[in-house]
Amino acid sequence: MGIISRIKQFCFVTLRIKKYKFLSDCKRVSGKPNLYFPLLLKGNGKVQFGKNFQNGVVESSCYYSNYNYILSMDHESEVIIGDNVVFSNGVSIYAKSKVTIEDKVMIGINCFIIDSDGHDLSAQERMTGIPKTAEITIKKNVAIYYNSTILKGVTIGENSVIGSGSIVTRDIPANVFAAGNPAKVIRNL
């Protein structure tokens, strides 16, 4: 690596990783992520990283201009990430209850995973009500492609693939390719 490349790496990557580490306030973190990209950890809940978790992909878009975000909101909230999981750039996870990502899962650019409605859907309760939540489980060897959203209460079965731009609102069985809005099974794998 030449001097110019090292300067770019330090200024545009290393300093940003340190900045987001400094801004993170989640205290209940276990495991050691491999940081190739900034990661912001927020909330009072638990975040657990398995072995060989890779945060960020150098060759993917948004490498110099984005960060990954994990919010484990309340004390009882949990985000559990298995072994050999890869997050590309711009991944966001919001956990009010629990998000489990099992081993060998790949999550693409700008994917969003949220286990609650965020706010109560009733207009009268929107600012003060308690949103509905339901756990999310992403089973082993799943691949979730770019710009997909996984919503509350969903389980994605082992070895399945979620196509780009999908909105997953219901369970997806094992060993299938699913895509669309809402996502539906396109074919078996």
N, C-alpha and C. Protein backbone atom coordinates (compact mmCIF):
# COMPACT_ATOMS: atom_id res chain seq x y z
N MET A 1 0.85 -1.17 0.00
CA MET A 1 0.00 0.00 0.00
C MET A 1 0.90 1.24 0.00
N GLY A 2 0.71 2.12 -0.98
CA GLY A 2 1.51 3.32 -1.09
C GLY A 2 1.12 4.36 -0.05
N ILE A 3 1.91 5.41 0.02
CA ILE A 3 1.71 6.46 1.03
C ILE A 3 0.36 7.16 0.84
N ILE A 4 -0.03 7.43 -0.40
CA ILE A 4 -1.31 8.09 -0.67
C ILE A 4 -2.46 7.20 -0.21
N SER A 5 -2.38 5.91 -0.50
CA SER A 5 -3.43 4.98 -0.07
C SER A 5 -3.50 4.91 1.45
N ARG A 6 -2.37 4.93 2.12
CA ARG A 6 -2.37 4.88 3.59
C ARG A 6 -2.98 6.15 4.19
N ILE A 7 -2.69 7.28 3.58
CA ILE A 7 -3.26 8.56 4.06
C ILE A 7 -4.78 8.54 3.87
N LYS A 8 -5.25 8.09 2.69
CA LYS A 8 -6.70 8.01 2.45
C LYS A 8 -7.35 7.06 3.44
N GLN A 9 -6.74 5.91 3.67
CA GLN A 9 -7.29 4.93 4.62
C GLN A 9 -7.40 5.54 6.01
N PHE A 10 -6.35 6.23 6.45
CA PHE A 10 -6.36 6.83 7.78
C PHE A 10 -7.42 7.93 7.89
N CYS A 11 -7.44 8.85 6.92
CA CYS A 11 -8.35 10.00 6.99
C CYS A 11 -9.81 9.63 6.79
N PHE A 12 -10.09 8.76 5.83
CA PHE A 12 -11.47 8.50 5.44
C PHE A 12 -12.07 7.24 6.03
N VAL A 13 -11.25 6.40 6.64
CA VAL A 13 -11.78 5.16 7.22
C VAL A 13 -11.43 5.06 8.70
N THR A 14 -10.16 5.02 9.03
CA THR A 14 -9.73 4.81 10.41
C THR A 14 -10.29 5.88 11.35
N LEU A 15 -10.19 7.15 10.96
CA LEU A 15 -10.72 8.22 11.83
C LEU A 15 -12.24 8.13 11.97
N ARG A 16 -12.93 7.75 10.91
CA ARG A 16 -14.40 7.60 10.99
C ARG A 16 -14.78 6.44 11.90
N ILE A 17 -14.04 5.34 11.82
CA ILE A 17 -14.31 4.20 12.71
C ILE A 17 -14.14 4.64 14.16
N LYS A 18 -13.08 5.38 14.45
CA LYS A 18 -12.84 5.86 15.82
C LYS A 18 -13.93 6.85 16.26
N LYS A 19 -14.36 7.71 15.35
CA LYS A 19 -15.41 8.68 15.67
C LYS A 19 -16.70 7.97 16.09
N TYR A 20 -17.14 6.96 15.31
CA TYR A 20 -18.38 6.27 15.64
C TYR A 20 -18.24 5.38 16.87
N LYS A 21 -17.05 4.88 17.12
CA LYS A 21 -16.80 4.16 18.38
C LYS A 21 -16.98 5.11 19.56
N PHE A 22 -16.46 6.33 19.43
CA PHE A 22 -16.59 7.35 20.47
C PHE A 22 -18.06 7.75 20.68
N LEU A 23 -18.83 7.84 19.61
CA LEU A 23 -20.23 8.25 19.69
C LEU A 23 -21.15 7.14 20.20
N SER A 24 -20.68 5.91 20.16
CA SER A 24 -21.50 4.78 20.62
C SER A 24 -21.69 4.84 22.13
N ASP A 25 -22.93 4.54 22.59
CA ASP A 25 -23.19 4.58 24.04
C ASP A 25 -23.75 3.27 24.59
N CYS A 26 -23.86 2.24 23.76
CA CYS A 26 -24.35 0.94 24.24
C CYS A 26 -23.24 0.30 25.09
N LYS A 27 -23.55 0.03 26.33
CA LYS A 27 -22.55 -0.49 27.28
C LYS A 27 -22.56 -2.01 27.38
N ARG A 28 -23.61 -2.65 26.92
CA ARG A 28 -23.74 -4.10 27.08
C ARG A 28 -23.41 -4.81 25.77
N VAL A 29 -22.15 -4.72 25.38
CA VAL A 29 -21.66 -5.29 24.12
C VAL A 29 -20.69 -6.41 24.44
N SER A 30 -20.88 -7.56 23.79
CA SER A 30 -19.93 -8.65 23.95
C SER A 30 -19.48 -9.13 22.57
N GLY A 31 -18.26 -9.67 22.52
CA GLY A 31 -17.68 -10.07 21.25
C GLY A 31 -16.91 -8.92 20.64
N LYS A 32 -16.10 -9.23 19.65
CA LYS A 32 -15.25 -8.21 19.04
C LYS A 32 -15.49 -8.20 17.53
N PRO A 33 -16.18 -7.19 17.03
CA PRO A 33 -16.40 -7.11 15.58
C PRO A 33 -15.13 -6.70 14.83
N ASN A 34 -14.97 -7.22 13.63
CA ASN A 34 -13.90 -6.78 12.73
C ASN A 34 -14.44 -5.57 11.98
N LEU A 35 -13.89 -4.41 12.28
CA LEU A 35 -14.42 -3.16 11.74
C LEU A 35 -13.65 -2.72 10.50
N TYR A 36 -14.29 -2.89 9.34
CA TYR A 36 -13.76 -2.37 8.08
C TYR A 36 -14.49 -1.09 7.71
N PHE A 37 -15.44 -0.69 8.56
CA PHE A 37 -16.40 0.36 8.25
C PHE A 37 -16.93 0.86 9.59
N PRO A 38 -17.32 2.13 9.70
CA PRO A 38 -17.84 2.63 10.98
C PRO A 38 -19.09 1.89 11.45
N LEU A 39 -19.18 1.70 12.76
CA LEU A 39 -20.32 1.04 13.39
C LEU A 39 -20.73 1.85 14.61
N LEU A 40 -22.00 2.27 14.64
CA LEU A 40 -22.55 3.03 15.76
C LEU A 40 -23.46 2.11 16.55
N LEU A 41 -23.16 1.93 17.84
CA LEU A 41 -23.94 1.07 18.73
C LEU A 41 -24.64 1.95 19.76
N LYS A 42 -25.97 1.93 19.78
CA LYS A 42 -26.75 2.80 20.66
C LYS A 42 -27.74 2.00 21.48
N GLY A 43 -28.19 2.58 22.59
CA GLY A 43 -29.25 2.01 23.40
C GLY A 43 -28.78 1.39 24.69
N ASN A 44 -29.76 0.94 25.48
CA ASN A 44 -29.51 0.35 26.80
C ASN A 44 -29.54 -1.17 26.79
N GLY A 45 -29.80 -1.77 25.64
CA GLY A 45 -29.93 -3.22 25.54
C GLY A 45 -28.60 -3.91 25.33
N LYS A 46 -28.71 -5.17 24.92
CA LYS A 46 -27.56 -6.05 24.74
C LYS A 46 -27.26 -6.24 23.26
N VAL A 47 -25.98 -6.17 22.90
CA VAL A 47 -25.52 -6.50 21.55
C VAL A 47 -24.43 -7.54 21.70
N GLN A 48 -24.61 -8.66 21.02
CA GLN A 48 -23.64 -9.76 21.12
C GLN A 48 -23.14 -10.12 19.73
N PHE A 49 -21.82 -10.06 19.53
CA PHE A 49 -21.20 -10.41 18.26
C PHE A 49 -20.57 -11.80 18.37
N GLY A 50 -20.81 -12.65 17.36
CA GLY A 50 -20.15 -13.95 17.30
C GLY A 50 -18.73 -13.80 16.76
N LYS A 51 -18.07 -14.92 16.57
CA LYS A 51 -16.70 -14.93 16.05
C LYS A 51 -16.69 -14.51 14.59
N ASN A 52 -15.66 -13.78 14.20
CA ASN A 52 -15.41 -13.39 12.81
C ASN A 52 -16.54 -12.55 12.20
N PHE A 53 -17.20 -11.73 13.01
CA PHE A 53 -18.21 -10.82 12.46
C PHE A 53 -17.49 -9.73 11.67
N GLN A 54 -17.88 -9.54 10.41
CA GLN A 54 -17.27 -8.52 9.55
C GLN A 54 -18.25 -7.38 9.34
N ASN A 55 -17.86 -6.20 9.80
CA ASN A 55 -18.67 -5.00 9.63
C ASN A 55 -18.10 -4.17 8.49
N GLY A 56 -18.78 -4.16 7.35
CA GLY A 56 -18.37 -3.35 6.21
C GLY A 56 -17.63 -4.13 5.16
N VAL A 57 -17.80 -3.68 3.90
CA VAL A 57 -17.14 -4.29 2.75
C VAL A 57 -16.46 -3.18 1.96
N VAL A 58 -15.16 -3.27 1.84
CA VAL A 58 -14.36 -2.22 1.19
C VAL A 58 -14.82 -1.99 -0.25
N GLU A 59 -15.14 -3.05 -0.98
CA GLU A 59 -15.46 -2.93 -2.41
C GLU A 59 -16.89 -2.46 -2.67
N SER A 60 -17.72 -2.33 -1.64
CA SER A 60 -19.12 -1.95 -1.83
C SER A 60 -19.29 -0.43 -1.84
N SER A 61 -20.42 0.00 -2.39
CA SER A 61 -20.69 1.44 -2.43
C SER A 61 -20.90 1.98 -1.02
N CYS A 62 -20.86 3.27 -0.89
CA CYS A 62 -21.05 4.00 0.37
C CYS A 62 -19.90 3.76 1.37
N TYR A 63 -18.80 3.20 0.92
CA TYR A 63 -17.71 2.87 1.83
C TYR A 63 -17.13 4.11 2.52
N TYR A 64 -17.07 5.22 1.81
CA TYR A 64 -16.47 6.43 2.38
C TYR A 64 -17.51 7.40 2.94
N SER A 65 -18.81 7.06 2.86
CA SER A 65 -19.81 8.07 3.20
C SER A 65 -20.94 7.60 4.11
N ASN A 66 -20.83 6.44 4.71
CA ASN A 66 -21.95 5.93 5.48
C ASN A 66 -21.43 5.21 6.72
N TYR A 67 -22.32 4.60 7.48
CA TYR A 67 -21.94 3.81 8.64
C TYR A 67 -23.03 2.78 8.90
N ASN A 68 -22.73 1.74 9.65
CA ASN A 68 -23.73 0.77 10.08
C ASN A 68 -24.22 1.16 11.47
N TYR A 69 -25.49 0.82 11.76
CA TYR A 69 -26.13 1.30 12.98
C TYR A 69 -26.88 0.16 13.64
N ILE A 70 -26.62 -0.05 14.93
CA ILE A 70 -27.38 -1.02 15.71
C ILE A 70 -27.92 -0.32 16.95
N LEU A 71 -29.26 -0.33 17.08
CA LEU A 71 -29.93 0.23 18.25
C LEU A 71 -30.59 -0.92 19.00
N SER A 72 -30.09 -1.19 20.20
CA SER A 72 -30.72 -2.15 21.11
C SER A 72 -31.35 -1.29 22.19
N MET A 73 -32.59 -0.91 21.96
CA MET A 73 -33.23 0.22 22.62
C MET A 73 -33.32 0.15 24.14
N ASP A 74 -34.04 -0.81 24.67
CA ASP A 74 -34.32 -0.85 26.10
C ASP A 74 -33.45 -1.89 26.80
N HIS A 75 -33.46 -1.88 28.12
CA HIS A 75 -32.62 -2.80 28.88
C HIS A 75 -32.88 -4.26 28.51
N GLU A 76 -34.12 -4.61 28.19
CA GLU A 76 -34.44 -6.00 27.82
C GLU A 76 -34.28 -6.28 26.33
N SER A 77 -33.93 -5.29 25.52
CA SER A 77 -33.73 -5.48 24.08
C SER A 77 -32.43 -6.23 23.81
N GLU A 78 -32.43 -7.03 22.73
CA GLU A 78 -31.24 -7.81 22.38
C GLU A 78 -31.04 -7.85 20.87
N VAL A 79 -29.76 -7.76 20.47
CA VAL A 79 -29.34 -8.06 19.11
C VAL A 79 -28.26 -9.12 19.23
N ILE A 80 -28.53 -10.30 18.70
CA ILE A 80 -27.60 -11.42 18.79
C ILE A 80 -27.13 -11.74 17.37
N ILE A 81 -25.83 -11.66 17.14
CA ILE A 81 -25.25 -11.90 15.82
C ILE A 81 -24.32 -13.10 15.93
N GLY A 82 -24.53 -14.09 15.07
CA GLY A 82 -23.77 -15.34 15.10
C GLY A 82 -22.37 -15.22 14.53
N ASP A 83 -21.76 -16.38 14.32
CA ASP A 83 -20.39 -16.46 13.80
C ASP A 83 -20.37 -16.28 12.29
N ASN A 84 -19.28 -15.68 11.80
CA ASN A 84 -19.02 -15.54 10.36
C ASN A 84 -20.13 -14.80 9.62
N VAL A 85 -20.68 -13.78 10.27
CA VAL A 85 -21.71 -12.94 9.66
C VAL A 85 -21.03 -11.73 9.01
N VAL A 86 -21.56 -11.30 7.85
CA VAL A 86 -21.02 -10.14 7.14
C VAL A 86 -22.13 -9.13 6.93
N PHE A 87 -21.89 -7.90 7.38
CA PHE A 87 -22.75 -6.75 7.06
C PHE A 87 -22.04 -5.92 6.01
N SER A 88 -22.70 -5.62 4.92
CA SER A 88 -22.16 -4.67 3.96
C SER A 88 -22.33 -3.27 4.53
N ASN A 89 -22.34 -2.27 3.71
CA ASN A 89 -22.35 -0.88 4.17
C ASN A 89 -23.77 -0.32 4.23
N GLY A 90 -24.05 0.45 5.29
CA GLY A 90 -25.35 1.09 5.43
C GLY A 90 -26.43 0.21 6.05
N VAL A 91 -26.05 -0.83 6.77
CA VAL A 91 -27.01 -1.72 7.43
C VAL A 91 -27.50 -1.06 8.73
N SER A 92 -28.82 -1.11 8.98
CA SER A 92 -29.40 -0.58 10.21
C SER A 92 -30.27 -1.64 10.86
N ILE A 93 -30.10 -1.80 12.19
CA ILE A 93 -30.91 -2.72 12.96
C ILE A 93 -31.49 -1.95 14.15
N TYR A 94 -32.82 -2.02 14.30
CA TYR A 94 -33.51 -1.42 15.44
C TYR A 94 -34.18 -2.55 16.21
N ALA A 95 -33.76 -2.77 17.46
CA ALA A 95 -34.35 -3.83 18.28
C ALA A 95 -35.04 -3.22 19.49
N LYS A 96 -36.33 -3.40 19.57
CA LYS A 96 -37.10 -3.06 20.77
C LYS A 96 -37.27 -4.32 21.61
N SER A 97 -37.39 -5.47 20.95
CA SER A 97 -37.45 -6.74 21.67
C SER A 97 -36.18 -7.54 21.35
N LYS A 98 -36.17 -8.34 20.26
CA LYS A 98 -34.99 -9.15 19.97
C LYS A 98 -34.83 -9.40 18.48
N VAL A 99 -33.60 -9.23 18.00
CA VAL A 99 -33.23 -9.59 16.64
C VAL A 99 -32.10 -10.61 16.74
N THR A 100 -32.32 -11.78 16.15
CA THR A 100 -31.30 -12.84 16.14
C THR A 100 -30.87 -13.09 14.71
N ILE A 101 -29.57 -13.01 14.48
CA ILE A 101 -28.98 -13.30 13.17
C ILE A 101 -28.02 -14.47 13.39
N GLU A 102 -28.36 -15.63 12.83
CA GLU A 102 -27.56 -16.82 13.07
C GLU A 102 -26.29 -16.82 12.22
N ASP A 103 -25.53 -17.91 12.26
CA ASP A 103 -24.22 -18.02 11.62
C ASP A 103 -24.28 -17.90 10.10
N LYS A 104 -23.19 -17.37 9.53
CA LYS A 104 -22.95 -17.32 8.08
C LYS A 104 -24.03 -16.58 7.30
N VAL A 105 -24.54 -15.52 7.87
CA VAL A 105 -25.53 -14.68 7.19
C VAL A 105 -24.81 -13.52 6.53
N MET A 106 -25.27 -13.15 5.32
CA MET A 106 -24.75 -11.97 4.61
C MET A 106 -25.89 -10.97 4.44
N ILE A 107 -25.62 -9.73 4.84
CA ILE A 107 -26.63 -8.68 4.72
C ILE A 107 -26.06 -7.56 3.86
N GLY A 108 -26.78 -7.22 2.78
CA GLY A 108 -26.29 -6.31 1.76
C GLY A 108 -26.43 -4.83 2.11
N ILE A 109 -26.02 -4.02 1.17
CA ILE A 109 -25.98 -2.57 1.30
C ILE A 109 -27.37 -2.01 1.62
N ASN A 110 -27.42 -1.09 2.58
CA ASN A 110 -28.61 -0.32 2.93
C ASN A 110 -29.81 -1.17 3.35
N CYS A 111 -29.57 -2.29 3.99
CA CYS A 111 -30.67 -3.11 4.50
C CYS A 111 -31.11 -2.58 5.86
N PHE A 112 -32.40 -2.75 6.16
CA PHE A 112 -33.00 -2.23 7.37
C PHE A 112 -33.78 -3.34 8.04
N ILE A 113 -33.51 -3.58 9.33
CA ILE A 113 -34.16 -4.64 10.10
C ILE A 113 -34.76 -3.98 11.34
N ILE A 114 -36.09 -4.10 11.52
CA ILE A 114 -36.75 -3.46 12.66
C ILE A 114 -37.82 -4.38 13.23
N ASP A 115 -37.77 -4.60 14.55
CA ASP A 115 -38.68 -5.54 15.20
C ASP A 115 -39.89 -4.87 15.86
N SER A 116 -40.19 -3.65 15.49
CA SER A 116 -41.36 -2.96 16.05
C SER A 116 -41.96 -2.03 15.00
N ASP A 117 -43.12 -1.46 15.35
CA ASP A 117 -43.72 -0.47 14.46
C ASP A 117 -43.03 0.89 14.58
N GLY A 118 -42.15 1.03 15.55
CA GLY A 118 -41.45 2.30 15.77
C GLY A 118 -42.26 3.25 16.64
N HIS A 119 -43.51 3.46 16.27
CA HIS A 119 -44.46 4.27 17.03
C HIS A 119 -45.80 3.56 16.98
N ASP A 120 -46.66 3.86 17.92
CA ASP A 120 -48.01 3.33 17.89
C ASP A 120 -48.68 3.82 16.61
N LEU A 121 -49.49 2.98 15.99
CA LEU A 121 -50.12 3.37 14.72
C LEU A 121 -51.33 4.27 14.91
N SER A 122 -51.90 4.29 16.09
CA SER A 122 -53.05 5.15 16.39
C SER A 122 -52.57 6.60 16.45
N ALA A 123 -53.30 7.49 15.79
CA ALA A 123 -52.92 8.91 15.78
C ALA A 123 -52.88 9.49 17.18
N GLN A 124 -53.81 9.07 18.04
CA GLN A 124 -53.88 9.60 19.41
C GLN A 124 -52.70 9.10 20.27
N GLU A 125 -52.16 7.95 19.96
CA GLU A 125 -51.10 7.33 20.76
C GLU A 125 -49.72 7.39 20.09
N ARG A 126 -49.63 7.97 18.92
CA ARG A 126 -48.41 7.92 18.14
C ARG A 126 -47.18 8.46 18.87
N MET A 127 -47.35 9.54 19.61
CA MET A 127 -46.20 10.14 20.31
C MET A 127 -46.00 9.57 21.71
N THR A 128 -47.01 8.95 22.29
CA THR A 128 -46.90 8.50 23.68
C THR A 128 -47.14 7.01 23.87
N GLY A 129 -47.72 6.35 22.88
CA GLY A 129 -48.08 4.94 23.01
C GLY A 129 -46.86 4.02 22.91
N ILE A 130 -47.11 2.76 23.20
CA ILE A 130 -46.06 1.74 23.12
C ILE A 130 -46.26 0.98 21.82
N PRO A 131 -45.25 1.00 20.93
CA PRO A 131 -45.42 0.31 19.64
C PRO A 131 -45.44 -1.21 19.81
N LYS A 132 -46.11 -1.89 18.88
CA LYS A 132 -46.12 -3.35 18.87
C LYS A 132 -44.75 -3.85 18.43
N THR A 133 -44.29 -4.92 19.09
CA THR A 133 -43.00 -5.52 18.75
C THR A 133 -43.17 -7.02 18.55
N ALA A 134 -42.27 -7.61 17.80
CA ALA A 134 -42.20 -9.07 17.64
C ALA A 134 -40.79 -9.42 17.17
N GLU A 135 -40.23 -10.46 17.75
CA GLU A 135 -38.86 -10.85 17.46
C GLU A 135 -38.65 -11.21 15.99
N ILE A 136 -37.42 -10.97 15.55
CA ILE A 136 -36.99 -11.33 14.20
C ILE A 136 -35.89 -12.38 14.34
N THR A 137 -35.98 -13.44 13.52
CA THR A 137 -34.92 -14.45 13.47
C THR A 137 -34.51 -14.67 12.03
N ILE A 138 -33.23 -14.53 11.78
CA ILE A 138 -32.66 -14.81 10.47
C ILE A 138 -31.76 -16.03 10.65
N LYS A 139 -32.17 -17.14 10.04
CA LYS A 139 -31.51 -18.44 10.25
C LYS A 139 -30.17 -18.52 9.49
N LYS A 140 -29.45 -19.61 9.71
CA LYS A 140 -28.12 -19.82 9.14
C LYS A 140 -28.10 -19.75 7.62
N ASN A 141 -26.99 -19.21 7.10
CA ASN A 141 -26.68 -19.19 5.66
C ASN A 141 -27.66 -18.38 4.81
N VAL A 142 -28.34 -17.42 5.40
CA VAL A 142 -29.26 -16.56 4.65
C VAL A 142 -28.47 -15.44 3.99
N ALA A 143 -28.88 -15.04 2.79
CA ALA A 143 -28.32 -13.87 2.11
C ALA A 143 -29.47 -12.88 1.87
N ILE A 144 -29.28 -11.65 2.34
CA ILE A 144 -30.27 -10.59 2.14
C ILE A 144 -29.61 -9.54 1.26
N TYR A 145 -30.16 -9.35 0.06
CA TYR A 145 -29.54 -8.45 -0.90
C TYR A 145 -29.96 -6.99 -0.68
N TYR A 146 -29.31 -6.11 -1.40
CA TYR A 146 -29.34 -4.66 -1.27
C TYR A 146 -30.74 -4.09 -1.04
N ASN A 147 -30.79 -3.06 -0.20
CA ASN A 147 -31.98 -2.23 -0.01
C ASN A 147 -33.23 -2.99 0.42
N SER A 148 -33.05 -4.07 1.14
CA SER A 148 -34.20 -4.84 1.63
C SER A 148 -34.55 -4.43 3.05
N THR A 149 -35.81 -4.64 3.41
CA THR A 149 -36.31 -4.32 4.75
C THR A 149 -36.93 -5.57 5.35
N ILE A 150 -36.56 -5.88 6.59
CA ILE A 150 -37.12 -7.01 7.32
C ILE A 150 -37.94 -6.42 8.46
N LEU A 151 -39.24 -6.74 8.52
CA LEU A 151 -40.13 -6.16 9.50
C LEU A 151 -40.42 -7.12 10.66
N LYS A 152 -41.05 -6.60 11.67
CA LYS A 152 -41.26 -7.31 12.94
C LYS A 152 -41.93 -8.67 12.75
N GLY A 153 -41.54 -9.61 13.63
CA GLY A 153 -42.18 -10.91 13.67
C GLY A 153 -41.77 -11.90 12.61
N VAL A 154 -40.77 -11.57 11.80
CA VAL A 154 -40.39 -12.41 10.67
C VAL A 154 -39.30 -13.41 11.07
N THR A 155 -39.42 -14.63 10.54
CA THR A 155 -38.34 -15.61 10.56
C THR A 155 -38.01 -15.94 9.12
N ILE A 156 -36.72 -15.86 8.78
CA ILE A 156 -36.26 -16.25 7.44
C ILE A 156 -35.52 -17.58 7.61
N GLY A 157 -35.98 -18.62 6.90
CA GLY A 157 -35.45 -19.98 7.05
C GLY A 157 -34.04 -20.15 6.50
N GLU A 158 -33.37 -21.19 6.97
CA GLU A 158 -31.99 -21.48 6.58
C GLU A 158 -31.82 -21.52 5.07
N ASN A 159 -30.66 -21.00 4.62
CA ASN A 159 -30.19 -21.05 3.23
C ASN A 159 -31.03 -20.23 2.26
N SER A 160 -31.98 -19.46 2.73
CA SER A 160 -32.82 -18.68 1.82
C SER A 160 -32.12 -17.40 1.38
N VAL A 161 -32.58 -16.87 0.25
CA VAL A 161 -32.05 -15.64 -0.32
C VAL A 161 -33.20 -14.66 -0.49
N ILE A 162 -32.98 -13.43 -0.03
CA ILE A 162 -33.96 -12.36 -0.18
C ILE A 162 -33.45 -11.41 -1.27
N GLY A 163 -34.23 -11.22 -2.32
CA GLY A 163 -33.83 -10.39 -3.46
C GLY A 163 -33.77 -8.91 -3.12
N SER A 164 -33.03 -8.17 -3.91
CA SER A 164 -32.84 -6.73 -3.71
C SER A 164 -34.16 -5.98 -3.66
N GLY A 165 -34.24 -5.01 -2.76
CA GLY A 165 -35.40 -4.14 -2.66
C GLY A 165 -36.64 -4.78 -2.07
N SER A 166 -36.50 -5.93 -1.45
CA SER A 166 -37.66 -6.64 -0.90
C SER A 166 -38.10 -6.05 0.44
N ILE A 167 -39.39 -6.16 0.72
CA ILE A 167 -39.96 -5.82 2.01
C ILE A 167 -40.51 -7.13 2.58
N VAL A 168 -39.85 -7.66 3.61
CA VAL A 168 -40.24 -8.96 4.17
C VAL A 168 -41.17 -8.70 5.34
N THR A 169 -42.45 -9.07 5.16
CA THR A 169 -43.49 -8.84 6.16
C THR A 169 -43.99 -10.12 6.82
N ARG A 170 -43.64 -11.28 6.23
CA ARG A 170 -44.08 -12.58 6.73
C ARG A 170 -42.91 -13.55 6.70
N ASP A 171 -43.06 -14.67 7.41
CA ASP A 171 -42.02 -15.69 7.44
C ASP A 171 -41.70 -16.19 6.03
N ILE A 172 -40.40 -16.47 5.83
CA ILE A 172 -39.92 -17.05 4.58
C ILE A 172 -39.37 -18.43 4.92
N PRO A 173 -39.81 -19.49 4.22
CA PRO A 173 -39.32 -20.83 4.56
C PRO A 173 -37.85 -21.03 4.19
N ALA A 174 -37.29 -22.14 4.60
CA ALA A 174 -35.90 -22.48 4.29
C ALA A 174 -35.75 -22.81 2.81
N ASN A 175 -34.54 -22.58 2.29
CA ASN A 175 -34.14 -23.02 0.95
C ASN A 175 -34.98 -22.47 -0.19
N VAL A 176 -35.31 -21.17 -0.11
CA VAL A 176 -36.07 -20.54 -1.20
C VAL A 176 -35.43 -19.19 -1.57
N PHE A 177 -35.79 -18.73 -2.77
CA PHE A 177 -35.49 -17.36 -3.18
C PHE A 177 -36.80 -16.61 -3.08
N ALA A 178 -36.81 -15.52 -2.31
CA ALA A 178 -38.00 -14.69 -2.14
C ALA A 178 -37.67 -13.25 -2.49
N ALA A 179 -38.63 -12.55 -3.06
CA ALA A 179 -38.40 -11.15 -3.43
C ALA A 179 -39.74 -10.45 -3.58
N GLY A 180 -39.70 -9.12 -3.61
CA GLY A 180 -40.89 -8.33 -3.88
C GLY A 180 -41.34 -7.50 -2.71
N ASN A 181 -42.45 -6.76 -2.94
CA ASN A 181 -43.05 -5.92 -1.92
C ASN A 181 -44.56 -6.19 -1.92
N PRO A 182 -45.04 -6.99 -0.97
CA PRO A 182 -44.30 -7.72 0.06
C PRO A 182 -43.57 -8.92 -0.56
N ALA A 183 -42.50 -9.36 0.12
CA ALA A 183 -41.72 -10.48 -0.39
C ALA A 183 -42.55 -11.76 -0.43
N LYS A 184 -42.39 -12.52 -1.51
CA LYS A 184 -43.04 -13.82 -1.63
C LYS A 184 -42.04 -14.79 -2.25
N VAL A 185 -42.28 -16.06 -2.05
CA VAL A 185 -41.38 -17.08 -2.58
C VAL A 185 -41.50 -17.09 -4.10
N ILE A 186 -40.33 -16.98 -4.76
CA ILE A 186 -40.27 -17.01 -6.22
C ILE A 186 -39.98 -18.44 -6.69
N ARG A 187 -39.01 -19.09 -6.00
CA ARG A 187 -38.69 -20.47 -6.37
C ARG A 187 -37.91 -21.14 -5.25
N ASN A 188 -37.85 -22.47 -5.31
CA ASN A 188 -37.03 -23.23 -4.37
C ASN A 188 -35.58 -23.19 -4.82
N LEU A 189 -34.69 -23.34 -3.87
CA LEU A 189 -33.26 -23.38 -4.19
C LEU A 189 -32.74 -24.80 -4.10
